[in-house]
Amino acid sequence: MAAQRRTRPDATRRSESSRRAILAAAFELVGEVGYHRLSIEGIAARAGVGKQTIYRWWPSKGAVLFDAFLMLSEGGGKGTGGGLPDTGDIEADLKSVLRATVGETEDPLFEGPLRALSIEIAGDPALAAVYAERLGEPLREMKRERLRSAQRAGQLPAGLDLDIAIDLIWSPVFQRWLYRTEPLTREYTDRVVEAVLHGLGATGIGHPRA
């Protein structure tokens, strides 16, 4: 009897193995065929599972891709843990963060899925709510905390509306990337940081470039 218990398959481990296979398959396929041709059937076939297994855990291909992106981000060290850098220099730290953002948009492994997710989130309120809860708000709180630190150091005004400041810093970068209006470069992100901090009345920073 004891021997039977030792050799019984671990259902939890099997389920986790299937889940990770599904997420890996979704990420591989979206890179190969694009989001519009990505399907639950295709993901199931690539992962070696039935469609119902996928639908038991996710309501749509967008939800699968979102979890796949989170899994790969965490595995590649690009997750939300750890907070934003805080060297005591808000200008240098924000430039570092936005330059890293440019680097991620240049990574073909992430760029396609990121675009697909952005479009899907815009049209799917349920997925947008999941994104806000699991990634959007945690990231935003990290940004708020870095700005609070700059306030405590006297580098930003005490009464600053942090959410508006975040939008001013990050939205131009996202818009340029999403709509491809102009090349998204590190030089551009540096100018954004300089101009926004100057406009917010930050102290101890360089003047924005002309």
Protein backbone atom coordinates (compact mmCIF):
# COMPACT_ATOMS: atom_id res chain seq x y z
CA MET A 1 0.00 0.00 0.00
CA ALA A 2 2.80 2.37 0.89
CA ALA A 3 4.54 1.53 -2.38
CA GLN A 4 1.38 2.42 -4.28
CA ARG A 5 1.20 5.81 -2.55
CA ARG A 6 4.82 6.52 -3.44
CA THR A 7 4.30 5.78 -7.14
CA ARG A 8 0.94 7.56 -7.55
CA PRO A 9 1.27 10.45 -10.07
CA ASP A 10 1.40 13.92 -8.55
CA ALA A 11 -1.64 15.68 -10.05
CA THR A 12 -0.44 19.11 -8.93
CA ARG A 13 2.91 18.65 -10.63
CA ARG A 14 1.23 17.32 -13.78
CA SER A 15 -1.14 20.30 -13.89
CA GLU A 16 1.73 22.75 -13.46
CA SER A 17 3.66 21.01 -16.21
CA SER A 18 0.67 21.27 -18.54
CA ARG A 19 0.13 24.94 -17.63
CA ARG A 20 3.71 25.86 -18.40
CA ALA A 21 3.60 23.89 -21.67
CA ILE A 22 0.49 25.83 -22.71
CA LEU A 23 2.06 29.19 -21.87
CA ALA A 24 5.29 28.34 -23.69
CA ALA A 25 3.29 27.17 -26.72
CA ALA A 26 1.30 30.43 -26.78
CA PHE A 27 4.45 32.52 -26.72
CA GLU A 28 6.13 30.45 -29.43
CA LEU A 29 3.09 30.53 -31.70
CA VAL A 30 2.38 34.24 -31.43
CA GLY A 31 5.94 34.86 -32.58
CA GLU A 32 5.53 32.47 -35.52
CA VAL A 33 2.02 33.25 -36.80
CA GLY A 34 1.08 36.58 -35.21
CA TYR A 35 -1.75 37.33 -32.82
CA HIS A 36 -4.59 37.31 -35.35
CA ARG A 37 -3.76 33.75 -36.44
CA LEU A 38 -3.10 32.54 -32.92
CA SER A 39 -5.85 30.18 -31.75
CA ILE A 40 -6.74 28.07 -28.75
CA GLU A 41 -6.70 25.03 -31.05
CA GLY A 42 -3.18 25.81 -32.21
CA ILE A 43 -1.94 26.37 -28.67
CA ALA A 44 -3.51 23.09 -27.54
CA ALA A 45 -1.92 21.17 -30.39
CA ARG A 46 1.52 22.66 -29.77
CA ALA A 47 1.28 22.02 -26.01
CA GLY A 48 -0.08 18.49 -26.44
CA VAL A 49 -3.24 19.09 -24.42
CA GLY A 50 -6.96 19.27 -25.12
CA LYS A 51 -8.75 22.56 -25.75
CA GLN A 52 -10.87 22.04 -22.64
CA THR A 53 -7.72 21.98 -20.53
CA ILE A 54 -6.95 25.51 -21.72
CA TYR A 55 -10.51 26.75 -21.28
CA ARG A 56 -10.55 25.36 -17.75
CA TRP A 57 -7.83 27.88 -16.82
CA TRP A 58 -8.24 30.78 -19.28
CA PRO A 59 -11.29 32.37 -20.93
CA SER A 60 -9.53 33.55 -24.10
CA LYS A 61 -6.31 33.44 -26.07
CA GLY A 62 -5.55 36.95 -24.83
CA ALA A 63 -5.66 35.74 -21.24
CA VAL A 64 -3.34 32.84 -22.12
CA LEU A 65 -0.89 35.21 -23.79
CA PHE A 66 -0.96 37.57 -20.82
CA ASP A 67 0.01 34.77 -18.45
CA ALA A 68 2.64 33.59 -20.93
CA PHE A 69 4.13 37.07 -20.98
CA LEU A 70 4.19 37.20 -17.18
CA MET A 71 5.88 33.79 -17.00
CA LEU A 72 8.57 34.75 -19.49
CA SER A 73 9.07 38.17 -17.90
CA GLU A 74 9.62 36.61 -14.49
CA GLY A 75 11.92 33.98 -15.92
CA GLY A 76 13.98 36.61 -17.74
CA GLY A 77 14.31 38.91 -14.76
CA LYS A 78 11.90 41.47 -16.22
CA GLY A 79 9.15 41.06 -13.68
CA THR A 80 7.84 43.63 -11.24
CA GLY A 81 9.85 42.57 -8.20
CA GLY A 82 12.51 44.74 -6.63
CA GLY A 83 11.15 48.20 -7.36
CA LEU A 84 12.64 50.96 -9.50
CA PRO A 85 16.28 51.94 -9.01
CA ASP A 86 16.84 54.51 -6.29
CA THR A 87 20.35 55.91 -6.32
CA GLY A 88 19.23 59.23 -4.88
CA ASP A 89 19.31 60.85 -8.35
CA ILE A 90 15.76 60.90 -9.73
CA GLU A 91 16.82 62.13 -13.16
CA ALA A 92 19.45 59.41 -13.64
CA ASP A 93 17.12 56.72 -12.29
CA LEU A 94 14.22 57.63 -14.57
CA LYS A 95 16.52 57.77 -17.56
CA SER A 96 17.84 54.33 -16.67
CA VAL A 97 14.31 52.90 -16.42
CA LEU A 98 13.14 54.37 -19.71
CA ARG A 99 16.31 53.29 -21.51
CA ALA A 100 15.65 49.76 -20.26
CA THR A 101 12.12 50.08 -21.60
CA VAL A 102 13.53 50.91 -25.03
CA GLY A 103 15.73 47.83 -24.76
CA GLU A 104 12.70 45.63 -24.11
CA THR A 105 10.86 47.04 -27.12
CA GLU A 106 13.88 46.14 -29.25
CA ASP A 107 13.80 42.53 -28.06
CA PRO A 108 11.94 40.51 -30.74
CA LEU A 109 10.95 37.95 -28.13
CA PHE A 110 8.91 40.55 -26.24
CA GLU A 111 8.00 43.16 -28.85
CA GLY A 112 5.40 41.15 -30.78
CA PRO A 113 3.56 39.76 -27.75
CA LEU A 114 3.61 43.19 -26.11
CA ARG A 115 1.91 44.75 -29.13
CA ALA A 116 -0.64 41.93 -29.29
CA LEU A 117 -1.43 42.29 -25.59
CA SER A 118 -1.77 46.07 -25.84
CA ILE A 119 -4.34 45.73 -28.62
CA GLU A 120 -6.23 42.93 -26.88
CA ILE A 121 -6.35 44.73 -23.53
CA ALA A 122 -7.75 47.83 -25.24
CA GLY A 123 -10.69 45.82 -26.60
CA ASP A 124 -11.33 43.36 -23.76
CA PRO A 125 -12.54 44.93 -20.47
CA ALA A 126 -12.17 41.64 -18.57
CA LEU A 127 -8.56 41.23 -19.66
CA ALA A 128 -7.93 44.92 -18.94
CA ALA A 129 -9.13 44.37 -15.37
CA VAL A 130 -6.82 41.36 -14.95
CA TYR A 131 -3.92 43.38 -16.36
CA ALA A 132 -4.62 46.27 -13.99
CA GLU A 133 -4.78 44.01 -10.95
CA ARG A 134 -1.82 41.74 -11.68
CA LEU A 135 0.62 44.02 -13.51
CA GLY A 136 -0.57 47.55 -14.22
CA GLU A 137 -1.29 48.69 -10.65
CA PRO A 138 1.75 46.96 -9.07
CA LEU A 139 3.99 48.66 -11.64
CA ARG A 140 2.28 51.98 -11.07
CA GLU A 141 2.74 51.72 -7.32
CA MET A 142 6.47 51.07 -7.85
CA LYS A 143 6.63 54.27 -9.90
CA ARG A 144 4.72 56.20 -7.21
CA GLU A 145 7.10 54.97 -4.53
CA ARG A 146 10.15 56.12 -6.52
CA LEU A 147 8.61 59.56 -6.92
CA ARG A 148 7.71 59.64 -3.22
CA SER A 149 11.35 58.94 -2.45
CA ALA A 150 12.31 61.91 -4.62
CA GLN A 151 9.79 64.03 -2.71
CA ARG A 152 11.29 62.98 0.61
CA ALA A 153 14.72 63.95 -0.74
CA GLY A 154 13.39 67.38 -1.72
CA GLN A 155 13.89 66.72 -5.44
CA LEU A 156 10.17 66.93 -6.31
CA PRO A 157 7.48 69.24 -4.88
CA ALA A 158 5.67 67.81 -1.86
CA GLY A 159 2.22 68.51 -3.32
CA LEU A 160 2.90 66.87 -6.68
CA ASP A 161 0.10 64.70 -8.12
CA LEU A 162 2.06 61.47 -8.54
CA ASP A 163 -0.36 59.80 -10.95
CA ILE A 164 -0.26 62.75 -13.32
CA ALA A 165 3.54 62.82 -13.05
CA ILE A 166 3.67 59.11 -13.96
CA ASP A 167 1.45 59.70 -16.99
CA LEU A 168 3.62 62.60 -18.13
CA ILE A 169 6.80 60.53 -17.88
CA TRP A 170 5.70 57.18 -19.30
CA SER A 171 2.84 57.96 -21.71
CA PRO A 172 4.91 59.68 -24.43
CA VAL A 173 7.21 56.66 -24.58
CA PHE A 174 4.34 54.19 -24.79
CA GLN A 175 2.53 56.22 -27.44
CA ARG A 176 5.60 56.56 -29.65
CA TRP A 177 6.24 52.81 -29.37
CA LEU A 178 2.62 51.76 -29.94
CA TYR A 179 1.88 53.98 -32.93
CA ARG A 180 5.40 53.98 -34.41
CA THR A 181 5.07 57.71 -35.07
CA GLU A 182 8.83 58.24 -34.64
CA PRO A 183 11.74 55.99 -33.70
CA LEU A 184 11.81 55.22 -29.99
CA THR A 185 15.37 55.90 -28.92
CA ARG A 186 17.27 56.35 -25.68
CA GLU A 187 17.99 59.93 -26.68
CA TYR A 188 14.25 60.57 -26.91
CA THR A 189 13.52 59.05 -23.50
CA ASP A 190 16.29 61.17 -21.96
CA ARG A 191 14.68 64.31 -23.38
CA VAL A 192 11.28 63.24 -22.03
CA VAL A 193 12.70 62.82 -18.53
CA GLU A 194 14.49 66.16 -18.64
CA ALA A 195 11.47 68.07 -19.97
CA VAL A 196 8.97 66.52 -17.56
CA LEU A 197 11.15 66.95 -14.47
CA HIS A 198 11.81 70.56 -15.44
CA GLY A 199 8.08 71.16 -15.92
CA LEU A 200 7.27 69.53 -12.58
CA GLY A 201 9.63 71.90 -10.80
CA ALA A 202 12.21 69.29 -9.84
CA THR A 203 15.34 70.55 -8.10
CA GLY A 204 18.94 69.55 -8.68
CA ILE A 205 18.48 68.44 -12.28
CA GLY A 206 20.01 69.57 -15.55
CA HIS A 207 18.20 71.93 -17.89
CA PRO A 208 16.18 70.26 -20.65
CA ARG A 209 17.96 70.10 -23.97
CA ALA A 210 16.79 72.37 -26.75
